[in-house]
C-alpha atoms as a PDB file:
ATOM      1  CA  THR A   1     210.695 201.831 -31.283  1.00  0.00           C
ATOM      2  CA  VAL A   2     207.843 204.203 -32.038  1.00  0.00           C
ATOM      3  CA  ILE A   3     206.672 204.826 -35.603  1.00  0.00           C
ATOM      4  CA  THR A   4     205.331 208.325 -36.197  1.00  0.00           C
ATOM      5  CA  GLY A   5     203.820 209.963 -39.256  1.00  0.00           C
ATOM      6  CA  THR A   6     201.217 209.139 -41.856  1.00  0.00           C
ATOM      7  CA  GLY A   7     201.197 207.892 -45.435  1.00  0.00           C
ATOM      8  CA  ALA A   8     204.581 208.036 -47.136  1.00  0.00           C
ATOM      9  CA  MET A   9     206.115 210.065 -44.301  1.00  0.00           C
ATOM     10  CA  ILE A  10     206.800 207.348 -41.721  1.00  0.00           C
ATOM     11  CA  LYS A  11     209.818 207.846 -39.507  1.00  0.00           C
ATOM     12  CA  ALA A  12     211.157 205.403 -36.920  1.00  0.00           C
ATOM     13  CA  GLU A  13     211.990 206.905 -33.524  1.00  0.00           C
ATOM     14  CA  ALA A  14     214.250 205.062 -31.095  1.00  0.00           C
ATOM     15  CA  ALA A  15     216.370 206.211 -28.166  1.00  0.00           C
ATOM     16  CA  PRO A  16     219.974 205.009 -27.852  1.00  0.00           C
ATOM     17  CA  SER A  17     220.361 201.531 -26.384  1.00  0.00           C
ATOM     18  CA  ILE A  18     222.771 198.740 -25.525  1.00  0.00           C
ATOM     19  CA  ALA A  19     221.579 195.183 -26.195  1.00  0.00           C
ATOM     20  CA  THR A  20     223.914 193.427 -23.732  1.00  0.00           C
ATOM     21  CA  THR A  21     224.389 195.173 -20.386  1.00  0.00           C
ATOM     22  CA  THR A  22     226.395 192.596 -18.414  1.00  0.00           C
ATOM     23  CA  TYR A  23     229.966 191.649 -19.284  1.00  0.00           C
ATOM     24  CA  PRO A  24     232.390 189.313 -17.494  1.00  0.00           C
ATOM     25  CA  MET A  25     235.797 190.787 -16.696  1.00  0.00           C
ATOM     26  CA  THR A  26     238.933 188.768 -17.430  1.00  0.00           C
ATOM     27  CA  ALA A  27     242.327 190.132 -16.384  1.00  0.00           C
ATOM     28  CA  ASP A  28     244.392 191.638 -19.209  1.00  0.00           C
ATOM     29  CA  THR A  29     241.442 191.433 -21.642  1.00  0.00           C
ATOM     30  CA  ALA A  30     239.612 194.382 -23.202  1.00  0.00           C
ATOM     31  CA  ILE A  31     235.806 194.426 -23.368  1.00  0.00           C
ATOM     32  CA  GLU A  32     233.979 195.626 -26.491  1.00  0.00           C
ATOM     33  CA  ILE A  33     230.439 196.935 -25.943  1.00  0.00           C
ATOM     34  CA  PRO A  34     228.324 197.448 -29.093  1.00  0.00           C
ATOM     35  CA  VAL A  35     225.995 200.451 -28.868  1.00  0.00           C
ATOM     36  CA  ASP A  36     222.924 201.490 -30.858  1.00  0.00           C
ATOM     37  CA  LEU A  37     222.667 205.255 -31.341  1.00  0.00           C
ATOM     38  CA  GLY A  38     218.911 205.079 -31.958  1.00  0.00           C
ATOM     39  CA  ALA A  39     216.895 206.598 -34.794  1.00  0.00           C
ATOM     40  CA  GLY A  40     215.018 209.749 -35.746  1.00  0.00           C
ATOM     41  CA  ASP A  41     214.670 212.675 -33.364  1.00  0.00           C
ATOM     42  CA  LEU A  42     215.484 210.459 -30.354  1.00  0.00           C
ATOM     43  CA  ALA A  43     218.880 209.345 -31.735  1.00  0.00           C
ATOM     44  CA  ALA A  44     222.300 210.317 -30.442  1.00  0.00           C
ATOM     45  CA  GLU A  45     225.259 211.246 -32.615  1.00  0.00           C
ATOM     46  CA  LYS A  46     227.793 209.538 -30.345  1.00  0.00           C
ATOM     47  CA  VAL A  47     228.676 208.227 -26.907  1.00  0.00           C
ATOM     48  CA  SER A  48     229.697 211.279 -24.900  1.00  0.00           C
ATOM     49  CA  HIS A  49     230.887 209.709 -21.627  1.00  0.00           C
ATOM     50  CA  VAL A  50     231.888 206.403 -20.051  1.00  0.00           C
ATOM     51  CA  MET A  51     231.560 207.092 -16.332  1.00  0.00           C
ATOM     52  CA  ASP A  52     232.399 205.288 -13.113  1.00  0.00           C
ATOM     53  CA  PRO A  53     229.331 204.242 -11.049  1.00  0.00           C
ATOM     54  CA  THR A  54     229.362 207.511  -9.074  1.00  0.00           C
ATOM     55  CA  GLY A  55     229.722 209.702 -12.157  1.00  0.00           C
ATOM     56  CA  ALA A  56     232.910 211.219 -10.729  1.00  0.00           C
ATOM     57  CA  PHE A  57     235.310 210.101 -13.488  1.00  0.00           C
ATOM     58  CA  ASP A  58     234.901 209.948 -17.270  1.00  0.00           C
ATOM     59  CA  TYR A  59     236.981 207.015 -18.530  1.00  0.00           C
ATOM     60  CA  LEU A  60     236.433 208.208 -22.104  1.00  0.00           C
ATOM     61  CA  SER A  61     238.574 211.269 -21.325  1.00  0.00           C
ATOM     62  CA  ASP A  62     241.651 209.008 -21.193  1.00  0.00           C
ATOM     63  CA  ALA A  63     242.246 206.562 -24.081  1.00  0.00           C
ATOM     64  CA  GLN A  64     244.231 204.274 -21.793  1.00  0.00           C
ATOM     65  CA  TYR A  65     240.906 203.386 -20.130  1.00  0.00           C
ATOM     66  CA  ALA A  66     238.151 203.588 -22.742  1.00  0.00           C
ATOM     67  CA  THR A  67     237.564 204.511 -26.374  1.00  0.00           C
ATOM     68  CA  TYR A  68     234.526 205.058 -28.581  1.00  0.00           C
ATOM     69  CA  ASP A  69     234.692 203.832 -32.186  1.00  0.00           C
ATOM     70  CA  ALA A  70     232.089 205.856 -34.116  1.00  0.00           C
ATOM     71  CA  ASP A  71     232.512 203.854 -37.337  1.00  0.00           C
ATOM     72  CA  ASN A  72     231.835 200.507 -35.658  1.00  0.00           C
ATOM     73  CA  LYS A  73     229.532 201.915 -32.948  1.00  0.00           C
ATOM     74  CA  LYS A  74     231.253 200.346 -29.968  1.00  0.00           C
ATOM     75  CA  VAL A  75     232.839 201.326 -26.686  1.00  0.00           C
ATOM     76  CA  THR A  76     236.035 199.503 -25.763  1.00  0.00           C
ATOM     77  CA  LEU A  77     237.126 199.195 -22.160  1.00  0.00           C
ATOM     78  CA  THR A  78     240.876 198.631 -22.377  1.00  0.00           C
ATOM     79  CA  ALA A  79     242.683 195.772 -20.646  1.00  0.00           C
ATOM     80  CA  ALA A  80     244.213 198.353 -18.268  1.00  0.00           C
ATOM     81  CA  MET A  81     240.737 199.565 -17.315  1.00  0.00           C
ATOM     82  CA  VAL A  82     239.418 196.022 -16.846  1.00  0.00           C
ATOM     83  CA  ASN A  83     242.376 195.276 -14.560  1.00  0.00           C
ATOM     84  CA  ALA A  84     241.676 198.466 -12.570  1.00  0.00           C
ATOM     85  CA  CYS A  85     237.988 197.552 -12.268  1.00  0.00           C
ATOM     86  CA  ILE A  86     238.871 194.062 -11.039  1.00  0.00           C
ATOM     87  CA  SER A  87     241.380 195.307  -8.439  1.00  0.00           C
ATOM     88  CA  GLY A  88     239.175 198.231  -7.393  1.00  0.00           C
ATOM     89  CA  ASN A  89     235.977 196.178  -7.199  1.00  0.00           C
ATOM     90  CA  VAL A  90     234.184 198.459  -9.677  1.00  0.00           C
ATOM     91  CA  PRO A  91     230.837 196.709 -10.317  1.00  0.00           C
ATOM     92  CA  SER A  92     229.593 198.798 -13.232  1.00  0.00           C
ATOM     93  CA  ILE A  93     230.065 201.723 -15.577  1.00  0.00           C
ATOM     94  CA  LYS A  94     227.602 204.218 -17.045  1.00  0.00           C
ATOM     95  CA  ILE A  95     227.573 204.883 -20.782  1.00  0.00           C
ATOM     96  CA  VAL A  96     226.091 208.289 -21.611  1.00  0.00           C
ATOM     97  CA  PHE A  97     224.908 209.301 -25.081  1.00  0.00           C
ATOM     98  CA  ASN A  98     224.669 212.857 -26.471  1.00  0.00           C
ATOM     99  CA  ASP A  99     220.976 212.628 -27.413  1.00  0.00           C
ATOM    100  CA  SER A 100     218.552 215.303 -26.201  1.00  0.00           C
ATOM    101  CA  ALA A 101     217.646 213.162 -23.150  1.00  0.00           C
ATOM    102  CA  SER A 102     221.313 212.398 -22.316  1.00  0.00           C
ATOM    103  CA  THR A 103     220.411 208.702 -22.182  1.00  0.00           C
ATOM    104  CA  GLU A 104     222.488 206.909 -19.538  1.00  0.00           C
ATOM    105  CA  ILE A 105     222.776 203.111 -19.512  1.00  0.00           C
ATOM    106  CA  SER A 106     224.407 201.126 -16.731  1.00  0.00           C
ATOM    107  CA  VAL A 107     226.634 198.221 -17.761  1.00  0.00           C
ATOM    108  CA  THR A 108     227.377 195.582 -15.116  1.00  0.00           C
ATOM    109  CA  LEU A 109     230.912 194.191 -14.897  1.00  0.00           C
ATOM    110  CA  THR A 110     231.244 190.780 -13.271  1.00  0.00           C
ATOM    111  CA  LYS A 111     234.330 188.935 -11.998  1.00  0.00           C
END
């Protein structure tokens, strides 16, 4: 976090982040990933993509795989997606925010 400004005009600046970036996968169990959208000019308005490790597929485009809850600021990987990641040996996903830098954070999925 960077504090900018002087006097009464102090504004916190923080890029989007994810506090926990490794999650164990359990068959038939969804994974909830809390996200921080950041603050000030560096902040995002939302999570824009949940990608496979290669960036070829956006799981967020299909609610059977992943959803973003804006009110509770979390990404949920559905049980169906977790099962597909286990069977397909998918080691991670990339969560992409819609901030000006298009912040991309890798989340490791372990068996």
